[in-house]
Protein backbone atom coordinates (compact mmCIF):
# COMPACT_ATOMS: atom_id res chain seq x y z
CA MET A 1 0.30 0.14 -0.28
CA SER A 2 0.84 3.58 -0.72
CA ILE A 3 -0.05 7.07 0.37
CA SER A 4 -0.41 9.04 -2.45
CA GLN A 5 -1.93 12.26 -1.37
CA ILE A 6 -1.93 14.23 2.12
CA GLU A 7 -4.11 17.34 2.30
CA ILE A 8 -3.90 19.55 5.14
CA ARG A 9 -6.21 22.88 6.02
CA ASN A 10 -5.69 25.28 8.39
CA ILE A 11 -3.29 23.65 10.69
CA LYS A 12 -0.40 25.88 12.22
CA GLY A 13 1.39 27.86 9.29
CA ILE A 14 -0.84 25.90 5.88
CA SER A 15 -4.21 27.20 4.88
CA HIS A 16 -4.51 24.49 2.40
CA GLU A 17 -2.06 22.67 1.07
CA CYS A 18 -2.63 19.40 -1.49
CA PHE A 19 1.09 17.04 -1.12
CA LYS A 20 1.35 14.48 -3.84
CA VAL A 21 3.63 11.94 -2.44
CA GLN A 22 4.52 8.35 -3.25
CA LEU A 23 4.91 6.86 0.69
CA LYS A 24 5.40 3.32 0.25
CA ALA A 25 5.02 0.70 3.29
CA CYS A 26 7.94 -0.46 5.35
CA LYS A 27 10.46 2.20 3.22
CA PRO A 28 12.33 5.19 4.54
CA ASN A 29 10.12 7.81 3.24
CA LEU A 30 12.05 11.14 2.63
CA LEU A 31 9.53 14.58 2.53
CA VAL A 32 11.97 16.87 1.65
CA ALA A 33 11.51 20.98 1.88
CA PRO A 34 13.57 24.09 2.55
CA ASN A 35 13.29 25.64 5.96
CA GLY A 36 10.28 27.86 5.81
CA PHE A 37 7.91 25.68 3.96
CA GLY A 38 5.74 24.21 6.81
CA LYS A 39 7.23 21.03 7.40
CA SER A 40 6.36 21.41 11.27
CA SER A 41 2.72 22.30 10.40
CA ILE A 42 2.51 18.68 8.54
CA ALA A 43 3.92 17.05 11.76
CA THR A 44 1.47 19.06 13.99
CA ALA A 45 -1.14 17.63 11.54
CA PHE A 46 -0.51 14.20 12.75
CA SER A 47 0.41 14.65 16.30
CA SER A 48 -3.05 16.64 17.17
CA MET A 49 -4.86 13.84 16.04
CA ASN A 50 -6.49 11.85 19.21
CA THR A 51 -8.23 8.49 18.68
CA LYS A 52 -11.55 10.53 17.76
CA ARG A 53 -10.81 13.77 16.70
CA ILE A 54 -8.02 16.59 15.53
CA ASP A 55 -7.78 18.71 18.89
CA LEU A 56 -5.40 21.39 18.00
CA ALA A 57 -3.54 23.48 20.53
CA GLU A 58 -3.99 27.56 20.87
CA ASN A 59 -0.62 27.80 19.43
CA ASP A 60 -1.26 25.55 16.48
CA GLN A 61 -4.55 27.21 14.91
CA HIS A 62 -3.84 28.98 11.40
CA LYS A 63 -3.65 32.67 12.04
CA GLY A 64 -4.49 32.17 15.72
CA ASN A 65 -8.13 31.82 14.77
CA ASP A 66 -10.21 29.19 16.45
CA THR A 67 -13.15 29.54 13.90
CA LEU A 68 -11.02 28.12 10.67
CA ALA A 69 -11.84 24.33 10.93
CA PRO A 70 -8.57 22.24 10.89
CA GLU A 71 -8.69 19.14 8.73
CA LEU A 72 -6.27 16.18 7.51
CA THR A 73 -6.93 13.77 4.80
CA ILE A 74 -4.36 10.94 3.33
CA THR A 75 -5.18 9.10 0.63
CA ILE A 76 -4.62 5.27 0.14
CA TYR A 77 -4.88 3.41 -3.34
CA GLY A 78 -7.97 5.81 -4.30
CA LYS A 79 -9.52 6.08 -0.74
CA LYS A 80 -9.53 9.43 1.46
CA PHE A 81 -9.26 9.16 5.05
CA THR A 82 -10.38 12.28 7.17
CA ALA A 83 -9.57 13.75 10.51
CA ASP A 84 -11.60 17.20 11.67
CA ARG A 85 -13.22 18.44 14.87
CA THR A 86 -15.92 16.07 14.63
CA GLN A 87 -14.10 12.62 13.17
CA ASN A 88 -11.03 10.73 12.70
CA GLN A 89 -11.40 8.08 9.99
CA ILE A 90 -7.05 8.13 9.88
CA ARG A 91 -6.96 6.57 13.60
CA GLN A 92 -9.44 4.16 13.14
CA GLN A 93 -7.16 2.66 10.37
CA PHE A 94 -4.02 3.72 11.77
CA ASP A 95 -1.86 4.22 14.35
CA VAL A 96 0.41 7.65 14.39
CA LEU A 97 3.33 8.53 16.30
CA VAL A 98 4.90 11.77 15.82
CA VAL A 99 8.41 12.17 16.71
CA ASN A 100 10.34 15.51 17.34
CA SER A 101 13.13 16.61 19.63
CA GLY A 102 11.00 17.69 22.56
CA LEU A 103 12.33 21.04 23.74
CA THR A 104 10.08 23.30 25.16
CA PRO A 105 10.61 26.54 27.07
CA LYS A 106 9.59 26.81 31.07
CA ALA A 107 9.20 29.76 33.22
CA LYS A 108 10.32 29.94 36.82
CA LYS A 109 9.12 32.53 39.38
CA ASN A 110 11.84 33.48 41.36
CA TYR A 111 10.30 35.24 44.38
CA GLY A 112 11.77 39.30 44.75
CA ARG A 113 13.47 38.88 41.38
CA ASN A 114 12.82 38.76 37.62
CA PRO A 115 11.11 35.55 36.51
CA SER A 116 13.74 33.41 34.53
CA ALA A 117 13.10 30.99 31.82
CA SER A 118 15.09 27.41 30.56
CA LEU A 119 14.38 25.18 27.69
CA GLU A 120 14.11 21.71 28.99
CA ILE A 121 13.16 18.58 27.11
CA LYS A 122 9.92 16.78 28.30
CA PRO A 123 9.74 13.52 29.50
CA ILE A 124 8.73 10.36 27.75
CA THR A 125 6.33 8.37 28.99
CA ILE A 126 7.22 4.56 27.91
CA CYS A 127 4.26 3.13 29.92
CA LYS A 128 1.97 2.39 32.96
CA ILE A 129 3.70 0.34 35.57
CA PRO A 130 1.77 -2.35 36.42
CA PRO A 131 1.50 -4.14 40.01
CA LYS A 132 4.09 -6.02 40.79
CA ALA A 133 3.38 -10.14 40.29
CA GLU A 134 5.41 -12.91 40.08
CA PHE A 135 5.19 -16.93 39.47
CA SER A 136 4.04 -19.14 42.21
CA TYR A 137 6.54 -21.82 41.25
CA LYS A 138 8.69 -23.85 43.24
CA PRO A 139 10.52 -26.79 41.50
CA THR A 140 10.15 -29.48 44.46
CA ASP A 141 6.40 -28.78 44.16
CA ALA A 142 6.16 -29.26 40.59
CA LYS A 143 8.15 -32.50 40.97
CA ALA A 144 6.11 -34.06 43.80
CA ASN A 145 3.14 -33.26 41.57
CA PHE A 146 4.25 -34.96 38.54
CA GLY A 147 4.74 -38.31 40.26
CA GLN A 148 7.77 -40.69 41.11
CA ASN A 149 10.00 -39.30 38.20
CA GLY A 150 9.46 -35.86 38.72
CA LYS A 151 13.28 -35.84 38.64
CA ILE A 152 12.51 -35.20 34.89
CA LEU A 153 11.48 -31.72 35.01
CA PRO A 154 13.50 -29.20 34.69
CA ASN A 155 13.87 -26.26 37.19
CA ILE A 156 12.24 -23.36 35.10
CA TYR A 157 12.90 -20.74 37.77
CA GLY A 158 15.01 -18.89 35.88
CA LEU A 159 12.89 -19.06 32.77
CA LEU A 160 10.15 -17.34 34.52
CA LYS A 161 12.45 -14.37 35.41
CA ASP A 162 13.79 -14.59 31.25
CA PRO A 163 12.32 -12.35 28.57
CA ARG A 164 12.63 -15.50 26.62
CA LEU A 165 9.79 -16.58 28.35
CA LEU A 166 7.54 -14.23 26.75
CA ASP A 167 8.71 -14.85 23.20
CA ALA A 168 8.22 -18.51 23.92
CA ILE A 169 4.70 -18.49 24.57
CA GLN A 170 3.40 -15.54 22.42
CA GLY A 171 0.74 -16.50 20.21
CA VAL A 172 0.33 -19.78 21.94
CA ASP A 173 -3.19 -20.40 24.01
CA LEU A 174 -2.67 -21.67 26.95
CA SER A 175 -6.09 -21.89 27.89
CA LYS A 176 -6.63 -25.18 25.38
CA PHE A 177 -4.32 -27.10 28.27
CA ALA A 178 -7.36 -27.40 29.80
CA GLN A 179 -9.20 -29.21 27.21
CA VAL A 180 -10.55 -32.61 28.08
CA ARG A 181 -8.83 -34.23 24.78
CA ILE A 182 -5.37 -32.84 25.97
CA GLN A 183 -5.44 -33.17 29.49
CA SER A 184 -6.01 -37.18 29.15
CA ALA A 185 -2.98 -37.32 26.04
CA VAL A 186 -0.84 -35.63 28.68
CA GLN A 187 -1.80 -37.56 31.68
CA ALA A 188 -1.19 -40.97 29.86
CA ILE A 189 2.19 -39.57 28.72
CA VAL A 190 2.98 -38.78 32.90
CA ASP A 191 1.97 -42.16 33.67
CA LYS A 192 3.88 -43.92 31.34
CA VAL A 193 6.88 -41.66 32.31
CA ASN A 194 6.26 -42.53 36.19
CA GLN A 195 6.41 -46.33 35.40
CA ARG A 196 9.84 -46.48 34.50
CA ARG A 197 13.15 -46.84 36.31
CA GLY A 198 16.31 -45.31 35.97
CA SER A 199 18.25 -42.14 35.66
CA THR A 200 17.38 -39.13 34.49
CA ALA A 201 18.99 -39.59 31.51
CA LEU A 202 17.79 -43.06 30.42
CA ILE A 203 14.35 -42.00 31.38
CA SER A 204 14.98 -39.15 28.57
CA GLN A 205 16.45 -41.71 26.30
CA TRP A 206 12.95 -44.06 26.74
CA ILE A 207 11.00 -40.91 25.89
CA LEU A 208 12.84 -40.45 22.52
CA ASP A 209 12.69 -43.86 21.54
CA ASN A 210 8.92 -44.84 22.51
CA CYS A 211 6.66 -41.38 23.40
CA ILE A 212 8.41 -38.48 21.56
CA GLN A 213 5.53 -38.20 18.83
CA GLU A 214 2.85 -38.35 21.47
CA LEU A 215 4.51 -35.30 22.89
CA ARG A 216 4.81 -33.58 19.59
CA ASP A 217 0.63 -34.33 18.87
CA VAL A 218 0.44 -31.74 22.19
CA PRO A 219 0.12 -28.37 19.87
CA ILE A 220 0.85 -26.04 23.15
CA PHE A 221 4.14 -28.19 24.12
CA ASN A 222 5.49 -28.46 20.32
CA SER A 223 5.48 -24.83 20.09
CA ILE A 224 6.94 -23.82 23.45
CA SER A 225 9.57 -26.57 23.22
CA GLU A 226 10.80 -25.69 19.95
CA ARG A 227 11.00 -21.84 20.78
CA LEU A 228 13.00 -22.71 24.18
CA VAL A 229 15.29 -24.95 22.18
CA GLN A 230 15.67 -22.15 19.42
CA TYR A 231 16.19 -19.13 21.89
CA GLY A 232 18.98 -21.60 24.21
CA PHE A 233 17.38 -22.07 27.22
CA ALA A 234 16.69 -26.06 26.63
CA ASP A 235 19.49 -28.08 25.02
CA SER A 236 16.98 -30.57 24.06
CA GLU A 237 13.79 -31.70 22.32
CA ILE A 238 13.03 -33.38 26.05
CA THR A 239 13.90 -30.89 28.56
CA GLY A 240 11.69 -28.15 26.15
CA PHE A 241 8.34 -30.47 26.44
CA PHE A 242 8.87 -30.77 30.17
CA ALA A 243 9.52 -27.01 30.47
CA ALA A 244 6.16 -26.10 28.59
CA TYR A 245 4.55 -28.71 30.93
CA GLN A 246 5.38 -26.84 33.57
CA ILE A 247 4.47 -23.67 32.13
CA ALA A 248 0.58 -24.87 31.01
CA ASN A 249 0.12 -26.27 34.77
CA LEU A 250 1.24 -22.85 36.10
CA TYR A 251 -1.34 -21.14 33.62
CA ALA A 252 -3.94 -23.53 34.46
CA ALA A 253 -3.76 -23.35 38.45
CA ASP A 254 -4.40 -19.88 38.32
CA SER A 255 -4.67 -18.31 34.98
CA LYS A 256 -5.14 -14.40 36.19
CA ALA A 257 -1.92 -15.03 38.32
CA PHE A 258 -0.10 -16.00 35.24
CA THR A 259 -1.33 -13.16 33.26
CA ALA A 260 -0.55 -10.72 35.98
CA ALA A 261 3.07 -12.19 36.51
CA THR A 262 4.07 -11.95 32.80
CA VAL A 263 2.42 -8.17 32.44
CA TRP A 264 5.05 -7.66 35.09
CA LEU A 265 7.93 -9.70 33.51
CA HIS A 266 7.32 -7.38 30.01
CA TYR A 267 7.46 -4.47 32.33
CA ILE A 268 11.00 -4.86 34.00
CA THR A 269 11.99 -6.37 30.63
CA VAL A 270 11.13 -3.09 28.84
CA LYS A 271 12.93 -1.06 31.95
CA ALA A 272 15.81 -2.83 31.61
CA ARG A 273 16.02 -2.44 27.85
CA TYR A 274 15.76 1.62 27.80
CA GLN A 275 18.33 1.07 30.49
CA ALA A 276 20.74 -0.43 28.36
CA LEU A 277 19.66 1.79 25.72
CA LEU A 278 20.53 5.19 27.75
CA SER A 279 23.87 3.43 28.45
CA ASN A 280 24.88 2.57 25.04
CA PHE A 281 24.53 6.08 23.83
CA LYS A 282 25.69 7.89 26.92
CA SER A 283 28.42 10.02 25.89
CA SER A 284 28.86 12.27 28.89
CA ASN A 285 30.06 12.07 32.47
CA TRP A 286 28.00 14.58 33.79
CA GLN A 287 24.21 14.84 33.27
CA TRP A 288 22.19 12.30 31.04
CA ALA A 289 18.70 10.72 30.53
CA LYS A 290 17.71 8.51 33.02
CA VAL A 291 14.74 6.14 33.36
CA GLU A 292 12.73 6.82 36.43
CA GLU A 293 9.19 5.37 37.97
CA ILE A 294 6.90 8.12 38.40
CA LYS A 295 4.97 6.39 41.67
CA LYS A 296 2.50 8.85 41.80
CA LYS A 297 1.09 8.88 38.05
CA LYS A 298 2.26 4.86 37.87
CA GLU A 299 4.44 5.43 34.97
CA LEU A 300 7.84 4.62 33.52
CA ALA A 301 9.37 7.57 31.93
CA ILE A 302 12.40 9.10 30.42
CA HIS A 303 13.58 12.03 32.19
CA PHE A 304 16.65 14.61 30.35
CA PRO A 305 18.64 16.95 32.07
CA LYS A 306 17.98 20.98 31.13
CA ALA A 307 18.67 21.49 27.63
CA HIS A 308 21.76 23.33 28.16
CA GLN A 309 23.45 20.00 30.05
CA LEU A 310 23.37 18.21 26.54
CA SER A 311 24.77 19.07 23.32
CA ASN A 312 21.84 19.54 20.86
CA GLY A 313 23.38 16.39 19.05
CA GLN A 314 23.15 14.66 22.25
CA ARG A 315 19.52 15.94 23.09
CA ASP A 316 18.27 15.06 19.36
CA ILE A 317 19.77 11.46 18.76
CA ILE A 318 18.51 10.06 22.40
CA THR A 319 15.42 11.75 22.17
CA LEU A 320 14.69 10.15 18.65
CA VAL A 321 16.14 6.66 19.80
CA VAL A 322 14.16 6.43 22.54
CA GLN A 323 10.30 7.42 20.82
CA LEU A 324 11.39 5.13 17.82
CA HIS A 325 11.66 2.39 20.25
CA LYS A 326 8.51 3.16 21.75
CA THR A 327 7.04 1.98 18.62
CA LEU A 328 7.83 -1.51 19.27
CA TYR A 329 6.33 -1.59 22.56
CA GLU A 330 2.72 -0.14 21.92
CA GLY A 331 1.69 -3.52 20.58
CA SER A 332 -0.86 -2.45 18.16
CA LYS A 333 -1.55 -4.60 15.17
CA LYS A 334 -2.88 -1.17 13.16
CA PRO A 335 -0.24 0.15 10.37
CA LEU A 336 1.55 2.46 11.90
CA ILE A 337 2.57 5.99 10.49
CA LEU A 338 5.47 7.03 12.21
CA VAL A 339 6.49 10.56 11.52
CA ILE A 340 9.79 11.89 12.29
CA ASP A 341 9.91 15.70 12.48
CA GLU A 342 13.23 17.11 11.43
CA VAL A 343 15.33 16.02 13.64
CA PHE A 344 18.72 16.53 11.89
CA ASP A 345 20.07 19.83 12.54
CA TYR A 346 23.08 18.99 15.11
CA LEU A 347 23.40 15.07 14.38
CA ASP A 348 27.23 14.44 13.11
CA ASP A 349 28.01 12.03 10.82
CA ALA A 350 28.39 9.22 13.29
CA ASN A 351 24.66 10.23 14.87
CA LEU A 352 23.19 10.04 11.31
CA VAL A 353 24.40 6.41 10.87
CA ALA A 354 22.65 5.59 13.90
CA PHE A 355 19.61 7.24 12.94
CA GLN A 356 19.30 5.41 9.75
CA TYR A 357 20.23 2.33 11.49
CA PHE A 358 17.61 2.35 13.85
CA VAL A 359 14.76 3.21 11.63
CA THR A 360 16.03 0.18 9.53
CA SER A 361 15.97 -1.85 12.22
CA ILE A 362 12.53 -1.01 13.33
CA ILE A 363 10.89 -1.48 9.41
CA GLU A 364 12.92 -5.11 9.66
CA GLU A 365 11.21 -5.68 13.05
CA TYR A 366 7.91 -4.92 11.62
CA LYS A 367 8.18 -6.83 8.68
CA ALA A 368 9.21 -9.67 10.77
CA ARG A 369 6.22 -8.87 12.71
CA SER A 370 3.97 -8.97 9.85
CA GLN A 371 3.21 -5.90 10.46
CA VAL A 372 3.04 -2.12 8.59
CA ILE A 373 5.16 0.86 9.18
CA TYR A 374 4.96 4.17 7.02
CA PRO A 375 8.09 6.03 8.03
CA LEU A 376 7.94 9.86 6.94
CA ILE A 377 11.45 11.42 7.80
CA LEU A 378 10.61 15.35 7.13
CA THR A 379 13.55 16.93 6.54
CA HIS A 380 15.64 20.09 4.74
CA LEU A 381 18.62 18.08 3.95
CA ASP A 382 19.40 17.07 0.22
CA PRO A 383 18.85 13.51 -0.11
CA GLY A 384 22.28 12.44 -0.95
CA VAL A 385 23.19 13.00 2.64
CA PHE A 386 21.67 9.83 3.40
CA PHE A 387 22.70 7.51 0.37
CA ASP A 388 26.12 8.05 1.91
CA PHE A 389 24.71 6.25 4.82
CA CYS A 390 22.92 3.19 5.71
CA PHE A 391 19.68 3.83 3.78
CA ASN A 392 19.90 2.31 0.44
CA LYS A 393 19.23 4.33 -2.53
CA HIS A 394 17.41 1.60 -4.28
CA LYS A 395 14.74 1.61 -1.16
CA ILE A 396 14.43 5.20 -0.04
CA GLN A 397 11.46 7.04 -1.36
CA ILE A 398 12.15 11.31 -2.02
CA ASN A 399 9.27 13.51 -2.43
CA TYR A 400 9.88 16.99 -2.91
CA LEU A 401 7.20 18.78 -0.97
CA LEU A 402 7.61 22.24 -3.31
CA SER A 403 7.97 19.43 -6.51
CA LYS A 404 7.90 21.16 -10.02
CA PRO A 405 7.04 19.68 -13.25
CA VAL A 406 10.31 19.45 -15.59
CA GLY A 407 8.28 22.07 -17.70
CA LYS A 408 11.02 24.43 -19.69
CA SER A 409 13.87 21.66 -18.39
CA LYS A 410 12.54 18.80 -20.85
CA ASP A 411 15.03 19.58 -23.40
CA ILE A 412 18.23 20.22 -21.30
CA LEU A 413 17.42 17.12 -19.40
CA ARG A 414 16.93 15.45 -22.84
CA LEU A 415 20.52 16.33 -23.28
CA ILE A 416 21.67 14.79 -20.46
CA GLU A 417 20.08 11.75 -21.22
CA PHE A 418 21.50 11.52 -24.54
CA ARG A 419 25.22 11.81 -22.78
CA ASP A 420 24.87 9.44 -20.38
CA SER A 421 21.99 6.85 -21.16
CA VAL A 422 23.16 3.19 -22.23
CA GLN A 423 20.31 3.65 -25.10
CA TYR A 424 22.55 6.31 -26.77
CA ALA A 425 25.99 4.86 -26.13
CA ASP A 426 26.53 3.99 -29.65
CA MET A 427 25.03 7.26 -31.13
CA VAL A 428 26.92 9.60 -28.59
CA GLN A 429 30.61 7.78 -28.43
CA THR A 430 32.09 9.78 -30.71
CA ILE A 431 30.73 13.65 -29.21
CA ARG A 432 30.72 12.94 -25.79
CA ASP A 433 34.28 14.61 -24.77
CA PHE A 434 33.14 17.61 -27.09
CA LEU A 435 29.68 17.79 -24.97
CA ASP A 436 32.02 17.50 -21.69
CA LYS A 437 33.96 20.18 -22.69
CA HIS A 438 32.15 22.66 -25.16
CA TRP A 439 28.53 22.38 -23.51
CA PHE A 440 28.54 21.05 -20.03
CA HIS A 441 31.64 23.36 -18.89
CA PHE A 442 33.54 26.24 -20.35
CA HIS A 443 35.57 26.45 -23.23
CA PRO A 444 37.04 29.76 -24.87
CA ASP A 445 36.24 27.94 -28.32
CA ALA A 446 33.09 27.58 -29.76
CA HIS A 447 32.32 23.95 -31.26
CA GLU A 448 29.34 22.79 -33.75
CA ILE A 449 28.66 19.17 -33.93
CA THR A 450 27.49 18.45 -37.79
CA ASP A 451 27.33 14.91 -37.50
CA GLY A 452 25.51 12.87 -34.72
CA TRP A 453 23.22 15.54 -33.39
CA PRO A 454 20.02 13.59 -32.62
CA ASP A 455 16.76 15.21 -33.96
CA PHE A 456 14.77 14.64 -30.62
CA LEU A 457 17.07 17.87 -29.43
CA PRO A 458 17.02 21.48 -30.61
CA ASN A 459 18.79 21.88 -33.50
CA GLU A 460 20.25 24.95 -32.87
CA TRP A 461 21.99 23.58 -29.73
CA LYS A 462 24.43 21.58 -32.08
CA ASN A 463 26.49 24.86 -31.89
CA SER A 464 27.97 25.41 -28.52
CA ASN A 465 27.74 29.19 -28.65
CA ALA A 466 23.74 28.80 -29.24
CA PHE A 467 23.40 26.85 -26.30
CA LYS A 468 24.88 29.04 -24.04
CA ASP A 469 22.77 31.61 -25.18
CA TYR A 470 19.69 29.26 -24.22
CA PHE A 471 21.18 29.38 -20.71
CA SER A 472 22.66 32.80 -20.55
CA ASN A 473 18.82 33.58 -21.45
CA GLU A 474 17.25 31.40 -18.71
CA LEU A 475 19.59 32.98 -15.95
CA ASN A 476 18.44 35.84 -16.81
CA ARG A 477 14.94 35.51 -16.49
CA TYR A 478 15.75 33.70 -12.81
CA LEU A 479 17.52 36.92 -11.67
CA ALA A 480 14.05 38.80 -13.47
CA ASN A 481 11.85 36.38 -11.55
CA LYS A 482 10.12 35.07 -14.55
CA ASN A 483 9.59 31.57 -15.19
CA TYR A 484 12.80 29.87 -15.87
CA ASP A 485 14.59 26.24 -16.55
CA ALA A 486 16.32 25.47 -13.57
CA VAL A 487 18.54 23.04 -14.79
CA ALA A 488 19.64 25.97 -17.44
CA VAL A 489 20.44 28.03 -14.31
CA CYS A 490 22.90 25.31 -12.96
CA PHE A 491 24.44 25.41 -16.43
CA ALA A 492 24.89 29.14 -16.51
CA VAL A 493 26.54 29.41 -12.52
CA ARG A 494 28.84 26.60 -13.55
CA ILE A 495 29.83 28.23 -17.04
CA VAL A 496 29.89 31.96 -15.55
CA ILE A 497 31.89 31.46 -12.78
CA GLU A 498 34.23 28.80 -15.07
CA HIS A 499 34.60 31.66 -17.72
CA HIS A 500 35.20 34.70 -15.53
CA ILE A 501 38.00 32.48 -13.49
CA TYR A 502 39.52 31.17 -16.70
CA TYR A 503 40.30 34.96 -17.74
CA LEU A 504 42.16 35.80 -14.70
CA LEU A 505 44.65 33.03 -15.18
CA PRO A 506 48.04 34.08 -15.66
CA ASP A 507 48.84 32.46 -19.04
CA ALA A 508 47.86 30.25 -21.30
CA ASP A 509 49.74 26.93 -19.80
CA TRP A 510 47.70 27.63 -17.04
CA GLN A 511 44.48 28.03 -18.81
CA GLU A 512 45.13 24.53 -20.51
CA LYS A 513 45.43 23.29 -17.49
CA PHE A 514 42.14 24.80 -16.25
CA ILE A 515 40.09 23.45 -19.54
CA SER A 516 41.67 20.01 -18.93
CA GLU A 517 40.30 19.61 -15.47
CA HIS A 518 37.38 17.73 -14.97
CA GLY A 519 34.77 19.43 -12.96
CA THR A 520 33.93 22.62 -11.47
CA SER A 521 35.44 22.49 -8.18
CA ASN A 522 38.85 20.84 -9.26
CA LYS A 523 39.00 23.61 -11.69
CA LEU A 524 38.84 25.98 -8.93
CA ASP A 525 41.77 24.21 -7.26
CA VAL A 526 43.63 24.70 -10.42
CA ALA A 527 43.16 28.31 -10.11
CA SER A 528 43.80 28.75 -6.53
CA SER A 529 47.25 27.01 -7.18
CA ALA A 530 47.86 29.34 -9.89
CA GLY A 531 47.28 32.14 -6.97
CA ILE A 532 44.17 33.48 -8.04
CA ASP A 533 42.14 34.68 -5.68
CA ILE A 534 38.77 33.21 -5.69
CA PRO A 535 35.87 35.10 -4.19
CA GLU A 536 34.31 32.69 -1.46
CA SER A 537 30.87 33.15 -3.21
CA TYR A 538 31.96 31.06 -5.79
CA PHE A 539 32.95 28.06 -3.67
CA LEU A 540 29.68 28.53 -1.78
CA LEU A 541 27.49 28.32 -4.90
CA GLY A 542 28.97 24.73 -5.42
CA ILE A 543 25.39 23.87 -3.83
CA ILE A 544 24.11 24.64 -7.51
CA TYR A 545 26.70 23.96 -9.94
CA ASN A 546 27.73 20.62 -8.17
CA THR A 547 23.95 19.28 -8.78
CA ASN A 548 24.90 15.90 -9.88
CA LEU A 549 24.12 16.68 -13.92
CA HIS A 550 24.42 12.69 -14.96
CA TRP A 551 21.74 10.56 -16.11
CA ASN A 552 19.55 8.64 -13.59
CA GLN A 553 15.96 7.49 -15.26
CA GLY A 554 13.09 8.62 -12.80
CA ARG A 555 15.39 10.99 -10.77
CA ASP A 556 13.82 14.59 -10.20
CA TYR A 557 16.61 16.82 -11.14
CA VAL A 558 13.99 19.87 -11.03
CA SER A 559 12.74 20.12 -7.60
CA PRO A 560 15.81 20.39 -5.48
CA LEU A 561 17.27 22.60 -7.41
CA VAL A 562 14.18 25.13 -7.38
CA SER A 563 14.58 24.91 -3.68
CA LYS A 564 17.60 25.93 -3.77
CA LEU A 565 17.18 28.41 -5.65
CA ASN A 566 14.21 30.14 -4.55
CA HIS A 567 16.30 30.88 -1.22
CA PRO A 568 16.85 34.57 -1.32
CA THR A 569 20.68 34.35 -0.22
CA ILE A 570 21.23 31.86 -3.25
CA ARG A 571 19.56 34.18 -5.39
CA GLN A 572 21.86 37.05 -4.25
CA LEU A 573 24.96 35.19 -4.80
CA ILE A 574 23.86 34.12 -8.23
CA ALA A 575 23.20 37.85 -9.16
CA HIS A 576 26.65 38.82 -7.85
CA VAL A 577 28.43 36.22 -10.00
CA ALA A 578 26.46 37.07 -13.18
CA SER A 579 27.27 40.76 -12.58
CA ALA A 580 31.08 40.45 -11.88
CA ALA A 581 31.16 38.04 -14.71
CA LYS A 582 29.68 40.74 -17.10
CA ASN A 583 32.16 43.49 -15.54
């Protein structure tokens, strides 16, 4: 299943937006947009839902006007699900979790002095604390109740305090142990075992030789035994069967007490896992997050030190990972929409790897459980940042919220495809070097391709000067705030900079070395070696001219460029470069 559309009305900074997306289940889905676009409004739309309706906080009302009705609609396979003030069809079908940094300002009264304020990180509630309960198990009683060969029973005291027990009985209906047919079959096996003489090893071998199939025919025993052997608690099939026998008897003796004990075991397991998680991420000997039991509320929560006592990177990665782990312990069978609200501003390379590892791990865990998860990652970062780390670029789904149609860039993208695509390899082979030197980069000499120019490209572009006239015109349109070809502007910035630097070089040798170098960044390094004082803005505009202009079928070349070109500072830098080149 894929979410094909997200529509939002009157939530925070969004009046009405309809985003066409492709958000696929069990894959990392990036929603990319520049800062100030409204990504936090999207996160707010999802986080403001309770099970019955949207309940916006006062600060999240659009324009501060509570008469403007909020609404969130998602579309899956053409079917729409809506949440507003009166209904929540989305939460009927999905669970929703929004992960963010958790920062909140807190005012403090200082009596006799001016009040002060600080940034704090909201505690994260993990779960309710259940009543303490333990299994009523005594090995001696279990052996005595079995009969004269009770020695065959393994001591399961340790198992009853081990998380592997929860895994072993998961999905097993222990209430079926009370059925007459199963009771009769089990008692017949017990009677046979009690008639044997000899050591535990001899009796175990006799069971294996004579009535192992009877044990295997008891589904409850068979299922639990297989898992105990798999998890390493039982060293043999026989041991596993008689451990399962004792577990079933404990349940039959008092099912409510047994269930309460498993709930408590699950709780202390979760608590221990969070303690280990925090310990593994601890990188400071000063203040750190702690797992604490809030007795009054009967809640287990993660409490953080004040924001200034953690680095921004520490704060973001630990709050992120803790909240991601919560998704594994909620227990719902509904598909989960997991919205990760831009928490990457302060993450270094190592923490970006950690983040991607945990997101990937959660996806794999959901798949192993045959459950569905939609990870939605809101970010302003270039998706290339993620390709360098754990997310597989063949699985990651990129959605530009400021998506732009190809439009005017259609022909220039065909030129890129012609140069790189395998389907044109024979045609382009003899002219590729000319394209690279005279079309894709600056060259002082014009060149015309008389043979081999494809008929699906503008005929005038076979002359490199005519091509440069085209993108120069598009650069002027961009600077004049007219409709423009974004990819052509990328070419223009690249070639304008190279043109300007070329004519600053001291002699022909340096110019030849400059021309023969591949890539604008490398060309600028050559110029620096020649003693040219290159303006800092020329390097900064690498964000535009370093755009990877190599063909990749299905790639969106236009949207990320438009997102960057729309930034007022980028526009100003390009205007300065264009002006300097003309002068």
